[in-house]
Amino acid sequence: MLGQRQTAVAWGCIRLGDAPFDQRVRKLFEDLDALLGEHRPQEAALEDVFVNRNAMSALKLGQARGAAMAAIACRDVPIAAYPPARVKQSIVGSGRADKTQVGHMVRALLGVQKPIQTDAADALAIALCHAHWRSSPAARLADRK
């Protein structure tokens, strides 16, 4: 994202395959580290972990998120985190929006004509939420607390 008008520099998904879980976490760390080295972001944003009924899935998601956080932190990039409902509210106007609505609005906000894969649209939505939230007066007030 550049300047006041948000534009997507790049997007995509890291494919982890069917390797054992520890190797997938390692690949996530390494691939994300390579992307960070290539694009050199000044800040990063993640979605908070959504805890569903399956504790094992939430645990694995938390471990993958930890690998992403470690890769970002190793590059000394500040990390912000947002609840899923805030991301949806920022992009669609409703914290209960579905993935189709989020993807549609991400494409509209960024002026992208071609389809964006669901996971990539979610990541772009988090980036747009962060771009909006970090510059808002409410965010500056929250930082003072």
C-alpha atoms as a PDB file:
ATOM      1  CA  MET A   1       0.000   0.000   0.000  1.00  0.00           C
ATOM      2  CA  LEU A   2       1.440   3.332  -1.011  1.00  0.00           C
ATOM      3  CA  GLY A   3       0.594   6.890   0.039  1.00  0.00           C
ATOM      4  CA  GLN A   4      -2.971   7.991   0.763  1.00  0.00           C
ATOM      5  CA  ARG A   5      -4.526   5.940  -2.027  1.00  0.00           C
ATOM      6  CA  GLN A   6      -4.203   2.242  -1.358  1.00  0.00           C
ATOM      7  CA  THR A   7      -2.896   0.085  -4.169  1.00  0.00           C
ATOM      8  CA  ALA A   8      -1.938  -3.544  -3.999  1.00  0.00           C
ATOM      9  CA  VAL A   9       1.774  -4.045  -4.643  1.00  0.00           C
ATOM     10  CA  ALA A  10       1.520  -7.845  -4.663  1.00  0.00           C
ATOM     11  CA  TRP A  11      -0.658 -10.629  -3.352  1.00  0.00           C
ATOM     12  CA  GLY A  12      -0.791 -14.369  -3.321  1.00  0.00           C
ATOM     13  CA  CYS A  13      -0.816 -17.432  -1.110  1.00  0.00           C
ATOM     14  CA  ILE A  14       1.964 -19.532   0.352  1.00  0.00           C
ATOM     15  CA  ARG A  15       1.226 -23.170  -0.456  1.00  0.00           C
ATOM     16  CA  LEU A  16       2.387 -25.505   2.309  1.00  0.00           C
ATOM     17  CA  GLY A  17       1.571 -28.883   0.770  1.00  0.00           C
ATOM     18  CA  ASP A  18       1.120 -32.131   2.688  1.00  0.00           C
ATOM     19  CA  ALA A  19       4.431 -32.292   4.559  1.00  0.00           C
ATOM     20  CA  PRO A  20       4.455 -32.971   8.312  1.00  0.00           C
ATOM     21  CA  PHE A  21       3.131 -30.031  10.309  1.00  0.00           C
ATOM     22  CA  ASP A  22       6.527 -28.921  11.629  1.00  0.00           C
ATOM     23  CA  GLN A  23       7.876 -28.745   8.066  1.00  0.00           C
ATOM     24  CA  ARG A  24       4.845 -26.721   6.920  1.00  0.00           C
ATOM     25  CA  VAL A  25       5.419 -24.233   9.747  1.00  0.00           C
ATOM     26  CA  ARG A  26       9.074 -24.002   8.734  1.00  0.00           C
ATOM     27  CA  LYS A  27       8.117 -23.418   5.086  1.00  0.00           C
ATOM     28  CA  LEU A  28       5.690 -20.695   6.145  1.00  0.00           C
ATOM     29  CA  PHE A  29       8.452 -18.971   8.116  1.00  0.00           C
ATOM     30  CA  GLU A  30      11.005 -19.277   5.294  1.00  0.00           C
ATOM     31  CA  ASP A  31       8.672 -18.223   2.473  1.00  0.00           C
ATOM     32  CA  LEU A  32       7.328 -15.280   4.447  1.00  0.00           C
ATOM     33  CA  ASP A  33      10.878 -14.239   5.359  1.00  0.00           C
ATOM     34  CA  ALA A  34      11.792 -14.278   1.647  1.00  0.00           C
ATOM     35  CA  LEU A  35       8.753 -12.126   0.809  1.00  0.00           C
ATOM     36  CA  LEU A  36       9.635  -9.695   3.578  1.00  0.00           C
ATOM     37  CA  GLY A  37      13.160  -9.468   2.191  1.00  0.00           C
ATOM     38  CA  GLU A  38      11.844  -8.843  -1.315  1.00  0.00           C
ATOM     39  CA  HIS A  39       9.204  -6.223  -0.465  1.00  0.00           C
ATOM     40  CA  ARG A  40      10.738  -4.662   2.677  1.00  0.00           C
ATOM     41  CA  PRO A  41       7.492  -3.514   4.341  1.00  0.00           C
ATOM     42  CA  GLN A  42       7.635  -0.847   7.017  1.00  0.00           C
ATOM     43  CA  GLU A  43       4.796  -2.406   9.008  1.00  0.00           C
ATOM     44  CA  ALA A  44       2.662  -5.545   9.041  1.00  0.00           C
ATOM     45  CA  ALA A  45      -0.821  -6.522  10.162  1.00  0.00           C
ATOM     46  CA  LEU A  46      -2.315  -9.865  11.110  1.00  0.00           C
ATOM     47  CA  GLU A  47      -5.784 -11.036  11.971  1.00  0.00           C
ATOM     48  CA  ASP A  48      -6.299 -12.171  15.545  1.00  0.00           C
ATOM     49  CA  VAL A  49      -6.809 -15.907  15.918  1.00  0.00           C
ATOM     50  CA  PHE A  50     -10.440 -16.890  15.566  1.00  0.00           C
ATOM     51  CA  VAL A  51     -11.229 -19.624  18.081  1.00  0.00           C
ATOM     52  CA  ASN A  52     -13.845 -21.988  16.782  1.00  0.00           C
ATOM     53  CA  ARG A  53     -15.110 -25.204  18.329  1.00  0.00           C
ATOM     54  CA  ASN A  54     -12.132 -27.298  17.224  1.00  0.00           C
ATOM     55  CA  ALA A  55      -9.347 -26.682  19.727  1.00  0.00           C
ATOM     56  CA  MET A  56      -6.746 -28.574  17.653  1.00  0.00           C
ATOM     57  CA  SER A  57      -7.415 -26.395  14.604  1.00  0.00           C
ATOM     58  CA  ALA A  58      -7.131 -23.258  16.733  1.00  0.00           C
ATOM     59  CA  LEU A  59      -3.858 -24.530  18.198  1.00  0.00           C
ATOM     60  CA  LYS A  60      -2.378 -25.229  14.746  1.00  0.00           C
ATOM     61  CA  LEU A  61      -3.548 -21.846  13.467  1.00  0.00           C
ATOM     62  CA  GLY A  62      -1.902 -20.217  16.484  1.00  0.00           C
ATOM     63  CA  GLN A  63       1.354 -22.032  15.778  1.00  0.00           C
ATOM     64  CA  ALA A  64       1.298 -20.937  12.133  1.00  0.00           C
ATOM     65  CA  ARG A  65       0.511 -17.382  13.218  1.00  0.00           C
ATOM     66  CA  GLY A  66       3.465 -17.580  15.613  1.00  0.00           C
ATOM     67  CA  ALA A  67       5.756 -18.566  12.727  1.00  0.00           C
ATOM     68  CA  ALA A  68       4.479 -15.581  10.734  1.00  0.00           C
ATOM     69  CA  MET A  69       4.966 -13.259  13.708  1.00  0.00           C
ATOM     70  CA  ALA A  70       8.504 -14.568  14.228  1.00  0.00           C
ATOM     71  CA  ALA A  71       9.414 -14.002  10.574  1.00  0.00           C
ATOM     72  CA  ILE A  72       8.058 -10.455  10.731  1.00  0.00           C
ATOM     73  CA  ALA A  73       9.689  -9.706  14.091  1.00  0.00           C
ATOM     74  CA  CYS A  74      13.059 -11.017  12.876  1.00  0.00           C
ATOM     75  CA  ARG A  75      12.922  -8.288  10.212  1.00  0.00           C
ATOM     76  CA  ASP A  76      12.188  -5.653  12.906  1.00  0.00           C
ATOM     77  CA  VAL A  77       8.850  -4.845  11.304  1.00  0.00           C
ATOM     78  CA  PRO A  78       6.164  -3.575  13.711  1.00  0.00           C
ATOM     79  CA  ILE A  79       3.089  -5.834  13.827  1.00  0.00           C
ATOM     80  CA  ALA A  80      -0.527  -4.785  14.393  1.00  0.00           C
ATOM     81  CA  ALA A  81      -3.371  -7.251  14.960  1.00  0.00           C
ATOM     82  CA  TYR A  82      -7.089  -6.863  14.347  1.00  0.00           C
ATOM     83  CA  PRO A  83     -10.107  -8.974  15.304  1.00  0.00           C
ATOM     84  CA  PRO A  84     -11.882 -10.570  12.308  1.00  0.00           C
ATOM     85  CA  ALA A  85     -15.044  -8.515  12.956  1.00  0.00           C
ATOM     86  CA  ARG A  86     -13.074  -5.245  12.812  1.00  0.00           C
ATOM     87  CA  VAL A  87     -11.507  -6.256   9.493  1.00  0.00           C
ATOM     88  CA  LYS A  88     -14.935  -7.077   8.021  1.00  0.00           C
ATOM     89  CA  GLN A  89     -16.471  -3.898   9.478  1.00  0.00           C
ATOM     90  CA  SER A  90     -13.668  -1.778   7.991  1.00  0.00           C
ATOM     91  CA  ILE A  91     -13.986  -3.304   4.518  1.00  0.00           C
ATOM     92  CA  VAL A  92     -17.665  -4.199   4.101  1.00  0.00           C
ATOM     93  CA  GLY A  93     -19.384  -2.172   6.803  1.00  0.00           C
ATOM     94  CA  SER A  94     -20.562  -5.243   8.687  1.00  0.00           C
ATOM     95  CA  GLY A  95     -18.597  -7.348  11.139  1.00  0.00           C
ATOM     96  CA  ARG A  96     -20.615 -10.379  10.017  1.00  0.00           C
ATOM     97  CA  ALA A  97     -19.785 -10.134   6.303  1.00  0.00           C
ATOM     98  CA  ASP A  98     -18.956 -13.357   4.486  1.00  0.00           C
ATOM     99  CA  LYS A  99     -15.822 -14.084   2.460  1.00  0.00           C
ATOM    100  CA  THR A 100     -17.547 -13.347  -0.854  1.00  0.00           C
ATOM    101  CA  GLN A 101     -18.539  -9.877   0.328  1.00  0.00           C
ATOM    102  CA  VAL A 102     -15.021  -9.206   1.652  1.00  0.00           C
ATOM    103  CA  GLY A 103     -13.439 -10.336  -1.619  1.00  0.00           C
ATOM    104  CA  HIS A 104     -15.800  -8.187  -3.677  1.00  0.00           C
ATOM    105  CA  MET A 105     -15.093  -5.068  -1.603  1.00  0.00           C
ATOM    106  CA  VAL A 106     -11.326  -5.659  -1.593  1.00  0.00           C
ATOM    107  CA  ARG A 107     -11.356  -5.783  -5.390  1.00  0.00           C
ATOM    108  CA  ALA A 108     -13.517  -2.651  -5.554  1.00  0.00           C
ATOM    109  CA  LEU A 109     -11.381  -0.708  -3.063  1.00  0.00           C
ATOM    110  CA  LEU A 110      -8.157  -1.633  -4.830  1.00  0.00           C
ATOM    111  CA  GLY A 111      -9.524  -1.325  -8.362  1.00  0.00           C
ATOM    112  CA  VAL A 112      -8.609  -4.911  -9.223  1.00  0.00           C
ATOM    113  CA  GLN A 113     -10.593  -6.392 -12.109  1.00  0.00           C
ATOM    114  CA  LYS A 114      -9.440 -10.005 -11.965  1.00  0.00           C
ATOM    115  CA  PRO A 115     -10.499 -12.473  -9.252  1.00  0.00           C
ATOM    116  CA  ILE A 116      -8.436 -12.622  -6.066  1.00  0.00           C
ATOM    117  CA  GLN A 117      -8.126 -15.942  -4.244  1.00  0.00           C
ATOM    118  CA  THR A 118     -10.067 -15.994  -0.964  1.00  0.00           C
ATOM    119  CA  ASP A 119      -7.016 -16.229   1.326  1.00  0.00           C
ATOM    120  CA  ALA A 120      -5.251 -13.434  -0.579  1.00  0.00           C
ATOM    121  CA  ALA A 121      -8.395 -11.273  -0.404  1.00  0.00           C
ATOM    122  CA  ASP A 122      -8.500 -11.845   3.364  1.00  0.00           C
ATOM    123  CA  ALA A 123      -4.863 -10.730   3.667  1.00  0.00           C
ATOM    124  CA  LEU A 124      -5.511  -7.643   1.542  1.00  0.00           C
ATOM    125  CA  ALA A 125      -8.565  -6.872   3.699  1.00  0.00           C
ATOM    126  CA  ILE A 126      -6.366  -6.965   6.809  1.00  0.00           C
ATOM    127  CA  ALA A 127      -3.893  -4.614   5.110  1.00  0.00           C
ATOM    128  CA  LEU A 128      -6.699  -2.218   4.131  1.00  0.00           C
ATOM    129  CA  CYS A 129      -8.124  -2.357   7.659  1.00  0.00           C
ATOM    130  CA  HIS A 130      -4.697  -1.518   9.042  1.00  0.00           C
ATOM    131  CA  ALA A 131      -4.209   1.355   6.579  1.00  0.00           C
ATOM    132  CA  HIS A 132      -7.557   2.778   7.668  1.00  0.00           C
ATOM    133  CA  TRP A 133      -7.237   2.112  11.379  1.00  0.00           C
ATOM    134  CA  ARG A 134      -3.649   3.300  11.895  1.00  0.00           C
ATOM    135  CA  SER A 135      -4.473   6.743  10.502  1.00  0.00           C
ATOM    136  CA  SER A 136      -7.801   7.235  12.270  1.00  0.00           C
ATOM    137  CA  PRO A 137      -8.253   9.628  15.216  1.00  0.00           C
ATOM    138  CA  ALA A 138      -9.740   6.728  17.232  1.00  0.00           C
ATOM    139  CA  ALA A 139      -6.520   4.741  16.769  1.00  0.00           C
ATOM    140  CA  ARG A 140      -4.405   7.654  17.967  1.00  0.00           C
ATOM    141  CA  LEU A 141      -6.602   7.944  21.070  1.00  0.00           C
ATOM    142  CA  ALA A 142      -6.309   4.195  21.721  1.00  0.00           C
ATOM    143  CA  ASP A 143      -2.499   4.424  21.461  1.00  0.00           C
ATOM    144  CA  ARG A 144      -2.430   7.016  24.272  1.00  0.00           C
ATOM    145  CA  LYS A 145      -4.082   4.657  26.756  1.00  0.00           C
END
